[in-house]
């Protein structure tokens, strides 16, 4: 999966991801501060590199998802997708809901209070895609349909 500059820029814009100098001292009376001698940078908007990377990947994976999901579902196979962060899950949900090709697939999110009802739908065949949090791996869930 190639993550291009436009994928990173789209994620940065959507989620308010910015990098600023770590040691910025506020100017007297407000306004732009001065960079201190400590140097370095911090990220704002999304704290961890893993989550920032995941949000960039959502933008990069659109065409791959269309291709792979279309092929799997044409073959009658159910699909399970795993994500690590809730914002990444929400971004994948939004992608599936808004993309004209992906919108035809029935997706259930298996997180929190939605896990049990989503599992029932997925097991019954009323959902094509189960979107799971990686944390679900520590919980006994039946994904044998996929």
Protein backbone atom coordinates (compact mmCIF):
# COMPACT_ATOMS: atom_id res chain seq x y z
CA UNK A 1 0.00 0.00 0.00
CA UNK A 2 1.54 3.28 -1.10
CA UNK A 3 0.73 6.24 1.08
CA UNK A 4 1.22 9.34 -1.03
CA UNK A 5 1.62 12.92 0.08
CA UNK A 6 -2.01 13.68 -0.87
CA UNK A 7 -3.22 10.88 1.46
CA UNK A 8 -1.26 12.37 4.36
CA UNK A 9 -2.45 15.89 3.52
CA UNK A 10 -6.09 14.75 3.38
CA UNK A 11 -5.79 13.04 6.79
CA UNK A 12 -4.00 16.07 8.27
CA UNK A 13 -6.68 18.42 7.03
CA UNK A 14 -9.61 16.27 8.14
CA UNK A 15 -8.28 15.49 11.62
CA UNK A 16 -6.41 18.73 12.35
CA UNK A 17 -3.01 17.03 12.45
CA UNK A 18 -0.19 19.56 12.78
CA UNK A 19 3.41 19.42 13.85
CA UNK A 20 4.74 22.34 15.84
CA UNK A 21 7.87 23.17 17.72
CA UNK A 22 7.85 21.44 21.11
CA UNK A 23 9.24 24.35 23.06
CA UNK A 24 7.17 27.34 21.94
CA UNK A 25 6.86 30.01 24.59
CA UNK A 26 3.83 32.30 24.35
CA UNK A 27 4.66 35.88 23.42
CA UNK A 28 3.87 38.50 26.03
CA UNK A 29 0.30 39.71 25.48
CA UNK A 30 -0.60 36.68 23.34
CA UNK A 31 0.19 36.09 19.71
CA UNK A 32 2.90 33.99 18.11
CA UNK A 33 5.48 32.65 20.56
CA UNK A 34 9.20 32.17 20.27
CA UNK A 35 10.81 28.78 19.85
CA UNK A 36 12.84 27.96 22.93
CA UNK A 37 16.20 26.29 23.01
CA UNK A 38 14.77 22.85 23.79
CA UNK A 39 13.98 22.21 20.12
CA UNK A 40 12.08 19.22 18.79
CA UNK A 41 8.55 18.91 17.59
CA UNK A 42 5.21 17.60 18.85
CA UNK A 43 2.14 16.47 16.97
CA UNK A 44 -1.29 17.91 17.66
CA UNK A 45 -4.69 16.60 16.59
CA UNK A 46 -3.74 12.91 16.72
CA UNK A 47 -1.28 11.94 19.42
CA UNK A 48 0.26 8.65 18.27
CA UNK A 49 2.18 7.81 15.13
CA UNK A 50 0.19 4.57 14.79
CA UNK A 51 -3.12 6.40 14.69
CA UNK A 52 -1.80 9.10 12.32
CA UNK A 53 -0.53 6.34 10.04
CA UNK A 54 -3.86 4.49 10.22
CA UNK A 55 -5.78 7.62 9.24
CA UNK A 56 -3.47 8.16 6.25
CA UNK A 57 -3.94 4.52 5.23
CA UNK A 58 -7.73 4.93 5.14
CA UNK A 59 -7.28 7.51 2.38
CA UNK A 60 -4.77 5.28 0.57
CA UNK A 61 -6.77 2.05 0.76
CA UNK A 62 -9.96 3.20 -1.03
CA UNK A 63 -9.17 1.63 -4.43
CA UNK A 64 -7.69 -1.54 -2.90
CA UNK A 65 -10.82 -2.00 -0.77
CA UNK A 66 -13.06 -1.60 -3.80
CA UNK A 67 -11.11 -4.22 -5.73
CA UNK A 68 -10.71 -6.76 -2.92
CA UNK A 69 -14.19 -6.42 -1.43
CA UNK A 70 -15.85 -6.66 -4.83
CA UNK A 71 -13.88 -9.84 -5.62
CA UNK A 72 -14.53 -11.46 -2.23
CA UNK A 73 -18.20 -10.70 -2.17
CA UNK A 74 -18.67 -11.78 -5.81
CA UNK A 75 -17.23 -15.13 -4.71
CA UNK A 76 -19.74 -15.26 -1.83
CA UNK A 77 -17.10 -14.74 0.84
CA UNK A 78 -17.67 -12.62 3.92
CA UNK A 79 -14.92 -10.19 4.92
CA UNK A 80 -13.46 -9.18 8.30
CA UNK A 81 -11.43 -5.97 8.59
CA UNK A 82 -9.42 -5.12 11.71
CA UNK A 83 -8.45 -1.62 12.83
CA UNK A 84 -6.59 -0.46 15.93
CA UNK A 85 -8.08 2.97 16.64
CA UNK A 86 -11.66 4.18 16.95
CA UNK A 87 -11.05 7.20 14.69
CA UNK A 88 -9.69 4.83 12.03
CA UNK A 89 -12.80 2.65 12.44
CA UNK A 90 -15.00 5.71 12.06
CA UNK A 91 -13.03 6.77 8.95
CA UNK A 92 -13.48 3.30 7.38
CA UNK A 93 -17.21 3.40 8.19
CA UNK A 94 -17.48 6.82 6.55
CA UNK A 95 -15.55 5.59 3.52
CA UNK A 96 -17.89 2.62 3.03
CA UNK A 97 -20.99 4.81 3.57
CA UNK A 98 -19.96 7.55 1.12
CA UNK A 99 -18.13 5.74 -1.69
CA UNK A 100 -20.55 4.84 -4.54
CA UNK A 101 -18.98 1.39 -5.04
CA UNK A 102 -18.44 0.51 -1.38
CA UNK A 103 -21.86 1.76 -0.30
CA UNK A 104 -23.53 -1.38 -1.71
CA UNK A 105 -21.77 -3.58 0.86
CA UNK A 106 -23.45 -4.20 4.21
CA UNK A 107 -21.01 -3.35 7.00
CA UNK A 108 -21.34 -3.92 10.73
CA UNK A 109 -18.97 -2.44 13.28
CA UNK A 110 -18.07 -4.75 16.13
CA UNK A 111 -17.10 -2.40 18.92
CA UNK A 112 -18.35 -1.71 22.39
CA UNK A 113 -22.09 -2.10 22.85
CA UNK A 114 -22.53 -2.77 19.11
CA UNK A 115 -20.40 -5.91 19.16
CA UNK A 116 -23.08 -8.49 20.01
CA UNK A 117 -25.75 -7.23 17.61
CA UNK A 118 -23.14 -6.85 14.86
CA UNK A 119 -21.90 -10.39 15.44
CA UNK A 120 -25.45 -11.73 15.15
CA UNK A 121 -25.98 -9.87 11.86
CA UNK A 122 -22.65 -11.04 10.50
CA UNK A 123 -23.23 -14.67 11.53
CA UNK A 124 -26.74 -14.61 10.03
CA UNK A 125 -25.41 -13.35 6.70
CA UNK A 126 -27.18 -9.99 6.83
CA UNK A 127 -23.82 -8.17 6.76
CA UNK A 128 -21.04 -8.62 4.21
CA UNK A 129 -18.24 -6.97 6.17
CA UNK A 130 -17.40 -7.11 9.87
CA UNK A 131 -15.26 -4.18 11.00
CA UNK A 132 -13.47 -5.20 14.21
CA UNK A 133 -11.25 -3.42 16.64
CA UNK A 134 -7.93 -5.20 17.25
CA UNK A 135 -8.85 -5.20 20.94
CA UNK A 136 -11.63 -7.65 20.00
CA UNK A 137 -8.96 -10.28 19.47
CA UNK A 138 -8.87 -10.73 23.26
CA UNK A 139 -12.62 -11.43 23.37
CA UNK A 140 -14.19 -14.66 22.24
CA UNK A 141 -15.99 -13.73 19.03
CA UNK A 142 -17.07 -16.08 16.26
CA UNK A 143 -15.94 -14.89 12.85
CA UNK A 144 -16.01 -18.36 11.29
CA UNK A 145 -18.37 -17.20 8.54
CA UNK A 146 -15.39 -15.43 6.96
